[in-house]
């Protein structure tokens, strides 16, 4: 995968006071979105927008491009 997370988003959210329980209970993020973060699956633009809004950061603070080691043909 060429795009990956730079950090554990769930840990960042927790440090800002957003536990997974609070995120679900207040309907900020759904369980499927939380599961994506647990399994390092990329979020949709809307989900990424919500996370960036909660953390007060830019998408580039959370994700990065890491090229695969396979040569292009």
PDB file of N, CA and C in Angstrom:
ATOM      1  N   UNK A   1       0.842  -1.175   0.000  1.00  0.00           N
ATOM      2  CA  UNK A   1       0.000   0.000   0.000  1.00  0.00           C
ATOM      3  C   UNK A   1       0.889   1.241   0.000  1.00  0.00           C
ATOM      4  N   UNK A   2       0.576   2.180  -0.844  1.00  0.00           N
ATOM      5  CA  UNK A   2       1.414   3.359  -0.985  1.00  0.00           C
ATOM      6  C   UNK A   2       1.083   4.455   0.024  1.00  0.00           C
ATOM      7  N   UNK A   3      -0.149   4.527   0.480  1.00  0.00           N
ATOM      8  CA  UNK A   3      -0.527   5.532   1.473  1.00  0.00           C
ATOM      9  C   UNK A   3      -0.755   4.829   2.804  1.00  0.00           C
ATOM     10  N   UNK A   4      -0.123   5.372   3.846  1.00  0.00           N
ATOM     11  CA  UNK A   4      -0.248   4.749   5.160  1.00  0.00           C
ATOM     12  C   UNK A   4      -0.363   5.829   6.235  1.00  0.00           C
ATOM     13  N   UNK A   5      -0.767   5.400   7.412  1.00  0.00           N
ATOM     14  CA  UNK A   5      -0.876   6.320   8.541  1.00  0.00           C
ATOM     15  C   UNK A   5       0.499   6.567   9.148  1.00  0.00           C
ATOM     16  N   UNK A   6       0.741   7.796   9.548  1.00  0.00           N
ATOM     17  CA  UNK A   6       1.992   8.149  10.216  1.00  0.00           C
ATOM     18  C   UNK A   6       1.961   7.770  11.694  1.00  0.00           C
ATOM     19  N   UNK A   7       0.768   7.710  12.256  1.00  0.00           N
ATOM     20  CA  UNK A   7       0.614   7.520  13.697  1.00  0.00           C
ATOM     21  C   UNK A   7      -0.674   6.756  13.983  1.00  0.00           C
ATOM     22  N   UNK A   8      -0.843   6.346  15.200  1.00  0.00           N
ATOM     23  CA  UNK A   8      -2.066   5.668  15.609  1.00  0.00           C
ATOM     24  C   UNK A   8      -3.136   6.722  15.900  1.00  0.00           C
ATOM     25  N   UNK A   9      -4.112   6.820  15.025  1.00  0.00           N
ATOM     26  CA  UNK A   9      -5.137   7.857  15.132  1.00  0.00           C
ATOM     27  C   UNK A   9      -5.982   7.671  16.385  1.00  0.00           C
ATOM     28  N   UNK A  10      -6.293   6.443  16.738  1.00  0.00           N
ATOM     29  CA  UNK A  10      -7.102   6.206  17.934  1.00  0.00           C
ATOM     30  C   UNK A  10      -6.394   6.710  19.190  1.00  0.00           C
ATOM     31  N   UNK A  11      -5.087   6.538  19.267  1.00  0.00           N
ATOM     32  CA  UNK A  11      -4.328   7.038  20.415  1.00  0.00           C
ATOM     33  C   UNK A  11      -4.334   8.562  20.444  1.00  0.00           C
ATOM     34  N   UNK A  12      -4.224   9.190  19.273  1.00  0.00           N
ATOM     35  CA  UNK A  12      -4.282  10.653  19.209  1.00  0.00           C
ATOM     36  C   UNK A  12      -5.636  11.165  19.677  1.00  0.00           C
ATOM     37  N   UNK A  13      -6.704  10.517  19.205  1.00  0.00           N
ATOM     38  CA  UNK A  13      -8.046  10.920  19.609  1.00  0.00           C
ATOM     39  C   UNK A  13      -8.226  10.753  21.118  1.00  0.00           C
ATOM     40  N   UNK A  14      -7.721   9.650  21.646  1.00  0.00           N
ATOM     41  CA  UNK A  14      -7.834   9.405  23.095  1.00  0.00           C
ATOM     42  C   UNK A  14      -7.098  10.472  23.881  1.00  0.00           C
ATOM     43  N   UNK A  15      -5.927  10.901  23.391  1.00  0.00           N
ATOM     44  CA  UNK A  15      -5.159  11.935  24.089  1.00  0.00           C
ATOM     45  C   UNK A  15      -5.877  13.285  24.084  1.00  0.00           C
ATOM     46  N   UNK A  16      -6.789  13.472  23.122  1.00  0.00           N
ATOM     47  CA  UNK A  16      -7.591  14.704  23.045  1.00  0.00           C
ATOM     48  C   UNK A  16      -8.927  14.559  23.764  1.00  0.00           C
ATOM     49  N   UNK A  17      -9.135  13.416  24.448  1.00  0.00           N
ATOM     50  CA  UNK A  17     -10.350  13.223  25.220  1.00  0.00           C
ATOM     51  C   UNK A  17     -11.471  12.513  24.486  1.00  0.00           C
ATOM     52  N   UNK A  18     -11.164  11.909  23.349  1.00  0.00           N
ATOM     53  CA  UNK A  18     -12.167  11.198  22.558  1.00  0.00           C
ATOM     54  C   UNK A  18     -11.935   9.688  22.642  1.00  0.00           C
ATOM     55  N   UNK A  19     -12.537   9.057  23.627  1.00  0.00           N
ATOM     56  CA  UNK A  19     -12.453   7.600  23.721  1.00  0.00           C
ATOM     57  C   UNK A  19     -13.344   6.994  22.639  1.00  0.00           C
ATOM     58  N   UNK A  20     -13.138   5.727  22.337  1.00  0.00           N
ATOM     59  CA  UNK A  20     -13.989   5.081  21.332  1.00  0.00           C
ATOM     60  C   UNK A  20     -15.437   5.053  21.813  1.00  0.00           C
ATOM     61  N   UNK A  21     -15.631   4.927  23.115  1.00  0.00           N
ATOM     62  CA  UNK A  21     -16.986   4.949  23.666  1.00  0.00           C
ATOM     63  C   UNK A  21     -17.649   6.299  23.402  1.00  0.00           C
ATOM     64  N   UNK A  22     -16.936   7.371  23.682  1.00  0.00           N
ATOM     65  CA  UNK A  22     -17.479   8.717  23.472  1.00  0.00           C
ATOM     66  C   UNK A  22     -17.764   8.969  21.991  1.00  0.00           C
ATOM     67  N   UNK A  23     -16.857   8.537  21.128  1.00  0.00           N
ATOM     68  CA  UNK A  23     -17.042   8.735  19.683  1.00  0.00           C
ATOM     69  C   UNK A  23     -18.306   8.035  19.181  1.00  0.00           C
ATOM     70  N   UNK A  24     -18.547   6.822  19.691  1.00  0.00           N
ATOM     71  CA  UNK A  24     -19.753   6.076  19.289  1.00  0.00           C
ATOM     72  C   UNK A  24     -21.004   6.651  19.940  1.00  0.00           C
ATOM     73  N   UNK A  25     -20.937   6.905  21.238  1.00  0.00           N
ATOM     74  CA  UNK A  25     -22.111   7.366  21.987  1.00  0.00           C
ATOM     75  C   UNK A  25     -22.619   8.708  21.466  1.00  0.00           C
ATOM     76  N   UNK A  26     -21.714   9.618  21.171  1.00  0.00           N
ATOM     77  CA  UNK A  26     -22.095  10.939  20.680  1.00  0.00           C
ATOM     78  C   UNK A  26     -22.275  10.968  19.163  1.00  0.00           C
ATOM     79  N   UNK A  27     -22.148   9.790  18.540  1.00  0.00           N
ATOM     80  CA  UNK A  27     -22.332   9.621  17.090  1.00  0.00           C
ATOM     81  C   UNK A  27     -21.413  10.535  16.275  1.00  0.00           C
ATOM     82  N   UNK A  28     -20.195  10.649  16.764  1.00  0.00           N
ATOM     83  CA  UNK A  28     -19.173  11.417  16.044  1.00  0.00           C
ATOM     84  C   UNK A  28     -18.588  10.550  14.943  1.00  0.00           C
ATOM     85  N   UNK A  29     -18.250   9.312  15.288  1.00  0.00           N
ATOM     86  CA  UNK A  29     -17.738   8.321  14.336  1.00  0.00           C
ATOM     87  C   UNK A  29     -18.441   6.997  14.605  1.00  0.00           C
ATOM     88  N   UNK A  30     -18.706   6.257  13.550  1.00  0.00           N
ATOM     89  CA  UNK A  30     -19.357   4.965  13.691  1.00  0.00           C
ATOM     90  C   UNK A  30     -18.368   3.848  13.974  1.00  0.00           C
ATOM     91  N   UNK A  31     -18.898   2.702  14.349  1.00  0.00           N
ATOM     92  CA  UNK A  31     -18.058   1.542  14.656  1.00  0.00           C
ATOM     93  C   UNK A  31     -17.250   1.103  13.438  1.00  0.00           C
ATOM     94  N   UNK A  32     -17.822   1.195  12.244  1.00  0.00           N
ATOM     95  CA  UNK A  32     -17.079   0.781  11.046  1.00  0.00           C
ATOM     96  C   UNK A  32     -15.866   1.679  10.815  1.00  0.00           C
ATOM     97  N   UNK A  33     -15.995   2.960  11.104  1.00  0.00           N
ATOM     98  CA  UNK A  33     -14.860   3.881  10.975  1.00  0.00           C
ATOM     99  C   UNK A  33     -13.794   3.558  12.011  1.00  0.00           C
ATOM    100  N   UNK A  34     -14.217   3.293  13.231  1.00  0.00           N
ATOM    101  CA  UNK A  34     -13.262   2.930  14.277  1.00  0.00           C
ATOM    102  C   UNK A  34     -12.533   1.641  13.921  1.00  0.00           C
ATOM    103  N   UNK A  35     -13.248   0.699  13.345  1.00  0.00           N
ATOM    104  CA  UNK A  35     -12.628  -0.566  12.940  1.00  0.00           C
ATOM    105  C   UNK A  35     -11.604  -0.334  11.831  1.00  0.00           C
ATOM    106  N   UNK A  36     -11.892   0.570  10.921  1.00  0.00           N
ATOM    107  CA  UNK A  36     -10.923   0.906   9.864  1.00  0.00           C
ATOM    108  C   UNK A  36      -9.627   1.420  10.496  1.00  0.00           C
ATOM    109  N   UNK A  37      -9.762   2.254  11.509  1.00  0.00           N
ATOM    110  CA  UNK A  37      -8.568   2.801  12.166  1.00  0.00           C
ATOM    111  C   UNK A  37      -7.808   1.719  12.917  1.00  0.00           C
ATOM    112  N   UNK A  38      -8.520   0.773  13.501  1.00  0.00           N
ATOM    113  CA  UNK A  38      -7.860  -0.328  14.225  1.00  0.00           C
ATOM    114  C   UNK A  38      -7.054  -1.217  13.289  1.00  0.00           C
ATOM    115  N   UNK A  39      -7.551  -1.393  12.062  1.00  0.00           N
ATOM    116  CA  UNK A  39      -6.917  -2.310  11.112  1.00  0.00           C
ATOM    117  C   UNK A  39      -6.059  -1.594  10.075  1.00  0.00           C
ATOM    118  N   UNK A  40      -5.801  -0.310  10.280  1.00  0.00           N
ATOM    119  CA  UNK A  40      -4.993   0.506   9.360  1.00  0.00           C
ATOM    120  C   UNK A  40      -5.554   0.540   7.944  1.00  0.00           C
ATOM    121  N   UNK A  41      -6.872   0.479   7.829  1.00  0.00           N
ATOM    122  CA  UNK A  41      -7.540   0.649   6.542  1.00  0.00           C
ATOM    123  C   UNK A  41      -7.766   2.142   6.348  1.00  0.00           C
ATOM    124  N   UNK A  42      -7.558   2.620   5.126  1.00  0.00           N
ATOM    125  CA  UNK A  42      -7.693   4.054   4.889  1.00  0.00           C
ATOM    126  C   UNK A  42      -9.133   4.512   5.050  1.00  0.00           C
ATOM    127  N   UNK A  43      -9.286   5.713   5.604  1.00  0.00           N
ATOM    128  CA  UNK A  43     -10.592   6.314   5.818  1.00  0.00           C
ATOM    129  C   UNK A  43     -11.070   7.018   4.558  1.00  0.00           C
ATOM    130  N   UNK A  44     -12.380   7.230   4.471  1.00  0.00           N
ATOM    131  CA  UNK A  44     -12.925   8.023   3.369  1.00  0.00           C
ATOM    132  C   UNK A  44     -12.566   9.488   3.611  1.00  0.00           C
ATOM    133  N   UNK A  45     -12.771  10.322   2.590  1.00  0.00           N
ATOM    134  CA  UNK A  45     -12.489  11.748   2.750  1.00  0.00           C
ATOM    135  C   UNK A  45     -13.349  12.355   3.849  1.00  0.00           C
ATOM    136  N   UNK A  46     -14.614  11.969   3.921  1.00  0.00           N
ATOM    137  CA  UNK A  46     -15.515  12.504   4.947  1.00  0.00           C
ATOM    138  C   UNK A  46     -15.049  12.100   6.348  1.00  0.00           C
ATOM    139  N   UNK A  47     -14.640  10.843   6.499  1.00  0.00           N
ATOM    140  CA  UNK A  47     -14.153  10.367   7.799  1.00  0.00           C
ATOM    141  C   UNK A  47     -12.854  11.076   8.180  1.00  0.00           C
ATOM    142  N   UNK A  48     -11.965  11.227   7.205  1.00  0.00           N
ATOM    143  CA  UNK A  48     -10.694  11.916   7.442  1.00  0.00           C
ATOM    144  C   UNK A  48     -10.946  13.373   7.812  1.00  0.00           C
ATOM    145  N   UNK A  49     -11.928  13.990   7.177  1.00  0.00           N
ATOM    146  CA  UNK A  49     -12.304  15.367   7.490  1.00  0.00           C
ATOM    147  C   UNK A  49     -12.754  15.474   8.947  1.00  0.00           C
ATOM    148  N   UNK A  50     -13.582  14.547   9.399  1.00  0.00           N
ATOM    149  CA  UNK A  50     -14.067  14.553  10.777  1.00  0.00           C
ATOM    150  C   UNK A  50     -12.914  14.393  11.762  1.00  0.00           C
ATOM    151  N   UNK A  51     -12.017  13.454  11.492  1.00  0.00           N
ATOM    152  CA  UNK A  51     -10.875  13.217  12.378  1.00  0.00           C
ATOM    153  C   UNK A  51      -9.980  14.453  12.438  1.00  0.00           C
ATOM    154  N   UNK A  52      -9.706  15.051  11.288  1.00  0.00           N
ATOM    155  CA  UNK A  52      -8.861  16.257  11.261  1.00  0.00           C
ATOM    156  C   UNK A  52      -9.519  17.395  12.034  1.00  0.00           C
ATOM    157  N   UNK A  53     -10.836  17.508  11.926  1.00  0.00           N
ATOM    158  CA  UNK A  53     -11.567  18.534  12.664  1.00  0.00           C
ATOM    159  C   UNK A  53     -11.440  18.300  14.176  1.00  0.00           C
ATOM    160  N   UNK A  54     -11.578  17.057  14.616  1.00  0.00           N
ATOM    161  CA  UNK A  54     -11.466  16.734  16.040  1.00  0.00           C
ATOM    162  C   UNK A  54     -10.067  16.995  16.580  1.00  0.00           C
ATOM    163  N   UNK A  55      -9.063  16.669  15.770  1.00  0.00           N
ATOM    164  CA  UNK A  55      -7.674  16.793  16.216  1.00  0.00           C
ATOM    165  C   UNK A  55      -7.074  18.166  15.927  1.00  0.00           C
ATOM    166  N   UNK A  56      -7.744  18.960  15.092  1.00  0.00           N
ATOM    167  CA  UNK A  56      -7.199  20.263  14.718  1.00  0.00           C
ATOM    168  C   UNK A  56      -5.923  20.140  13.919  1.00  0.00           C
ATOM    169  N   UNK A  57      -5.944  19.230  12.931  1.00  0.00           N
ATOM    170  CA  UNK A  57      -4.745  18.991  12.143  1.00  0.00           C
ATOM    171  C   UNK A  57      -5.079  18.908  10.657  1.00  0.00           C
ATOM    172  N   UNK A  58      -4.063  18.756   9.837  1.00  0.00           N
ATOM    173  CA  UNK A  58      -4.197  18.584   8.401  1.00  0.00           C
ATOM    174  C   UNK A  58      -4.090  17.095   8.059  1.00  0.00           C
ATOM    175  N   UNK A  59      -4.685  16.648   6.936  1.00  0.00           N
ATOM    176  CA  UNK A  59      -4.570  15.239   6.543  1.00  0.00           C
ATOM    177  C   UNK A  59      -3.114  14.765   6.455  1.00  0.00           C
ATOM    178  N   UNK A  60      -2.233  15.644   6.010  1.00  0.00           N
ATOM    179  CA  UNK A  60      -0.817  15.298   5.903  1.00  0.00           C
ATOM    180  C   UNK A  60      -0.153  15.020   7.238  1.00  0.00           C
ATOM    181  N   UNK A  61      -0.794  15.451   8.318  1.00  0.00           N
ATOM    182  CA  UNK A  61      -0.279  15.144   9.651  1.00  0.00           C
ATOM    183  C   UNK A  61      -0.574  13.699  10.040  1.00  0.00           C
ATOM    184  N   UNK A  62      -1.548  13.096   9.359  1.00  0.00           N
ATOM    185  CA  UNK A  62      -1.992  11.742   9.707  1.00  0.00           C
ATOM    186  C   UNK A  62      -1.561  10.677   8.705  1.00  0.00           C
ATOM    187  N   UNK A  63      -1.472  11.041   7.441  1.00  0.00           N
ATOM    188  CA  UNK A  63      -1.146  10.058   6.401  1.00  0.00           C
ATOM    189  C   UNK A  63       0.064  10.509   5.608  1.00  0.00           C
ATOM    190  N   UNK A  64       0.714   9.532   4.973  1.00  0.00           N
ATOM    191  CA  UNK A  64       1.873   9.825   4.135  1.00  0.00           C
ATOM    192  C   UNK A  64       1.928   8.858   2.973  1.00  0.00           C
ATOM    193  N   UNK A  65       2.620   9.270   1.927  1.00  0.00           N
ATOM    194  CA  UNK A  65       2.843   8.410   0.770  1.00  0.00           C
ATOM    195  C   UNK A  65       4.161   7.686   0.969  1.00  0.00           C
ATOM    196  N   UNK A  66       4.109   6.364   0.917  1.00  0.00           N
ATOM    197  CA  UNK A  66       5.304   5.530   1.039  1.00  0.00           C
ATOM    198  C   UNK A  66       5.307   4.586  -0.151  1.00  0.00           C
ATOM    199  N   UNK A  67       6.124   4.869  -1.159  1.00  0.00           N
ATOM    200  CA  UNK A  67       6.096   4.052  -2.380  1.00  0.00           C
ATOM    201  C   UNK A  67       6.421   2.585  -2.103  1.00  0.00           C
ATOM    202  N   UNK A  68       5.739   1.730  -2.855  1.00  0.00           N
ATOM    203  CA  UNK A  68       6.050   0.300  -2.790  1.00  0.00           C
ATOM    204  C   UNK A  68       7.452   0.077  -3.343  1.00  0.00           C
ATOM    205  N   UNK A  69       8.065  -1.004  -2.916  1.00  0.00           N
ATOM    206  CA  UNK A  69       9.412  -1.312  -3.377  1.00  0.00           C
ATOM    207  C   UNK A  69       9.450  -1.990  -4.727  1.00  0.00           C
ATOM    208  N   UNK A  70       8.284  -2.185  -5.350  1.00  0.00           N
ATOM    209  CA  UNK A  70       8.233  -2.829  -6.642  1.00  0.00           C
ATOM    210  C   UNK A  70       8.462  -1.807  -7.752  1.00  0.00           C
ATOM    211  N   UNK A  71       9.314  -2.142  -8.733  1.00  0.00           N
ATOM    212  CA  UNK A  71       9.578  -1.196  -9.834  1.00  0.00           C
ATOM    213  C   UNK A  71       8.350  -1.044 -10.731  1.00  0.00           C
ATOM    214  N   UNK A  72       8.154   0.164 -11.233  1.00  0.00           N
ATOM    215  CA  UNK A  72       7.070   0.437 -12.174  1.00  0.00           C
ATOM    216  C   UNK A  72       7.443  -0.076 -13.554  1.00  0.00           C
ATOM    217  N   UNK A  73       6.470  -0.646 -14.263  1.00  0.00           N
ATOM    218  CA  UNK A  73       6.739  -1.147 -15.614  1.00  0.00           C
ATOM    219  C   UNK A  73       6.217  -0.188 -16.640  1.00  0.00           C
TER     220      UNK A  73
END
